[in-house]
Amino acid sequence: MSIMKISGVNSVPLGLGVGLAENHEALSYFAKMSAANRREVIRQSETCGTQSEMREFVRKLRSWS
């Protein structure tokens, strides 16, 4: 699995990183999450099997609390 670094998180799967890069609002929201919530988002994102599933997952990040 490809990974990239984001401050405060050890690694982010490449698909999630790309999805966040394509959605600046979601990226900003992700960056403001607690470390525990970011880890959970990363864990949940690993269930996405396609690019469209990842885009939808990233689009829905605002529902995380």
C-alpha atoms as a PDB file:
ATOM      1  CA  MET A   1       0.000   0.000   0.000  1.00  0.00           C
ATOM      2  CA  SER A   2       1.337   3.446  -0.884  1.00  0.00           C
ATOM      3  CA  ILE A   3       1.414   6.017   1.903  1.00  0.00           C
ATOM      4  CA  MET A   4       2.085   9.712   2.325  1.00  0.00           C
ATOM      5  CA  LYS A   5       2.891  11.800   5.393  1.00  0.00           C
ATOM      6  CA  ILE A   6       0.476  14.296   6.953  1.00  0.00           C
ATOM      7  CA  SER A   7       1.386  16.225  10.074  1.00  0.00           C
ATOM      8  CA  GLY A   8       0.187  14.476  13.234  1.00  0.00           C
ATOM      9  CA  VAL A   9      -0.465  11.175  11.464  1.00  0.00           C
ATOM     10  CA  ASN A  10       2.121   8.488  10.791  1.00  0.00           C
ATOM     11  CA  SER A  11       0.821   7.681   7.320  1.00  0.00           C
ATOM     12  CA  VAL A  12      -2.146   8.205   5.043  1.00  0.00           C
ATOM     13  CA  PRO A  13      -3.061   5.719   2.302  1.00  0.00           C
ATOM     14  CA  LEU A  14      -2.358   7.187  -1.109  1.00  0.00           C
ATOM     15  CA  GLY A  15      -6.008   6.988  -2.218  1.00  0.00           C
ATOM     16  CA  LEU A  16      -7.150   8.993   0.796  1.00  0.00           C
ATOM     17  CA  GLY A  17      -4.352  11.503   0.285  1.00  0.00           C
ATOM     18  CA  VAL A  18      -5.348  12.001  -3.339  1.00  0.00           C
ATOM     19  CA  GLY A  19      -9.018  12.282  -2.370  1.00  0.00           C
ATOM     20  CA  LEU A  20      -8.184  14.920   0.211  1.00  0.00           C
ATOM     21  CA  ALA A  21      -5.983  16.796  -2.262  1.00  0.00           C
ATOM     22  CA  GLU A  22      -8.913  16.928  -4.686  1.00  0.00           C
ATOM     23  CA  ASN A  23     -11.303  18.247  -2.023  1.00  0.00           C
ATOM     24  CA  HIS A  24      -9.808  21.213  -0.198  1.00  0.00           C
ATOM     25  CA  GLU A  25     -12.767  21.574   2.171  1.00  0.00           C
ATOM     26  CA  ALA A  26     -12.422  17.938   3.254  1.00  0.00           C
ATOM     27  CA  LEU A  27      -8.643  18.342   3.625  1.00  0.00           C
ATOM     28  CA  SER A  28      -9.115  21.354   5.876  1.00  0.00           C
ATOM     29  CA  TYR A  29     -11.687  19.481   7.951  1.00  0.00           C
ATOM     30  CA  PHE A  30      -9.439  16.415   8.200  1.00  0.00           C
ATOM     31  CA  ALA A  31      -6.505  18.563   9.338  1.00  0.00           C
ATOM     32  CA  LYS A  32      -8.609  20.058  12.157  1.00  0.00           C
ATOM     33  CA  MET A  33      -9.756  16.640  13.462  1.00  0.00           C
ATOM     34  CA  SER A  34      -8.291  15.153  16.604  1.00  0.00           C
ATOM     35  CA  ALA A  35      -5.527  12.620  16.039  1.00  0.00           C
ATOM     36  CA  ALA A  36      -7.862   9.836  17.157  1.00  0.00           C
ATOM     37  CA  ASN A  37     -10.511  10.860  14.618  1.00  0.00           C
ATOM     38  CA  ARG A  38      -7.908  11.112  11.841  1.00  0.00           C
ATOM     39  CA  ARG A  39      -6.704   7.582  12.651  1.00  0.00           C
ATOM     40  CA  GLU A  40     -10.298   6.322  12.500  1.00  0.00           C
ATOM     41  CA  VAL A  41     -10.878   8.056   9.154  1.00  0.00           C
ATOM     42  CA  ILE A  42      -7.721   6.411   7.823  1.00  0.00           C
ATOM     43  CA  ARG A  43      -8.859   3.020   9.112  1.00  0.00           C
ATOM     44  CA  GLN A  44     -12.318   3.411   7.556  1.00  0.00           C
ATOM     45  CA  SER A  45     -10.897   4.674   4.248  1.00  0.00           C
ATOM     46  CA  GLU A  46      -9.084   1.388   3.763  1.00  0.00           C
ATOM     47  CA  THR A  47     -12.462  -0.245   3.003  1.00  0.00           C
ATOM     48  CA  CYS A  48     -12.846   1.833  -0.181  1.00  0.00           C
ATOM     49  CA  GLY A  49     -12.215  -0.357  -3.198  1.00  0.00           C
ATOM     50  CA  THR A  50     -12.542   2.135  -6.037  1.00  0.00           C
ATOM     51  CA  GLN A  51     -11.663   5.722  -6.782  1.00  0.00           C
ATOM     52  CA  SER A  52     -15.339   6.681  -6.834  1.00  0.00           C
ATOM     53  CA  GLU A  53     -15.901   5.072  -3.415  1.00  0.00           C
ATOM     54  CA  MET A  54     -12.955   7.050  -2.035  1.00  0.00           C
ATOM     55  CA  ARG A  55     -14.261  10.308  -3.506  1.00  0.00           C
ATOM     56  CA  GLU A  56     -17.649   9.670  -1.898  1.00  0.00           C
ATOM     57  CA  PHE A  57     -15.981   8.762   1.407  1.00  0.00           C
ATOM     58  CA  VAL A  58     -13.946  11.986   1.367  1.00  0.00           C
ATOM     59  CA  ARG A  59     -17.029  14.020   0.406  1.00  0.00           C
ATOM     60  CA  LYS A  60     -18.799  12.716   3.505  1.00  0.00           C
ATOM     61  CA  LEU A  61     -16.004  13.580   5.958  1.00  0.00           C
ATOM     62  CA  ARG A  62     -17.963  16.533   7.334  1.00  0.00           C
ATOM     63  CA  SER A  63     -20.343  14.050   8.989  1.00  0.00           C
ATOM     64  CA  TRP A  64     -17.506  12.745  11.212  1.00  0.00           C
ATOM     65  CA  SER A  65     -17.387  14.134  14.736  1.00  0.00           C
END
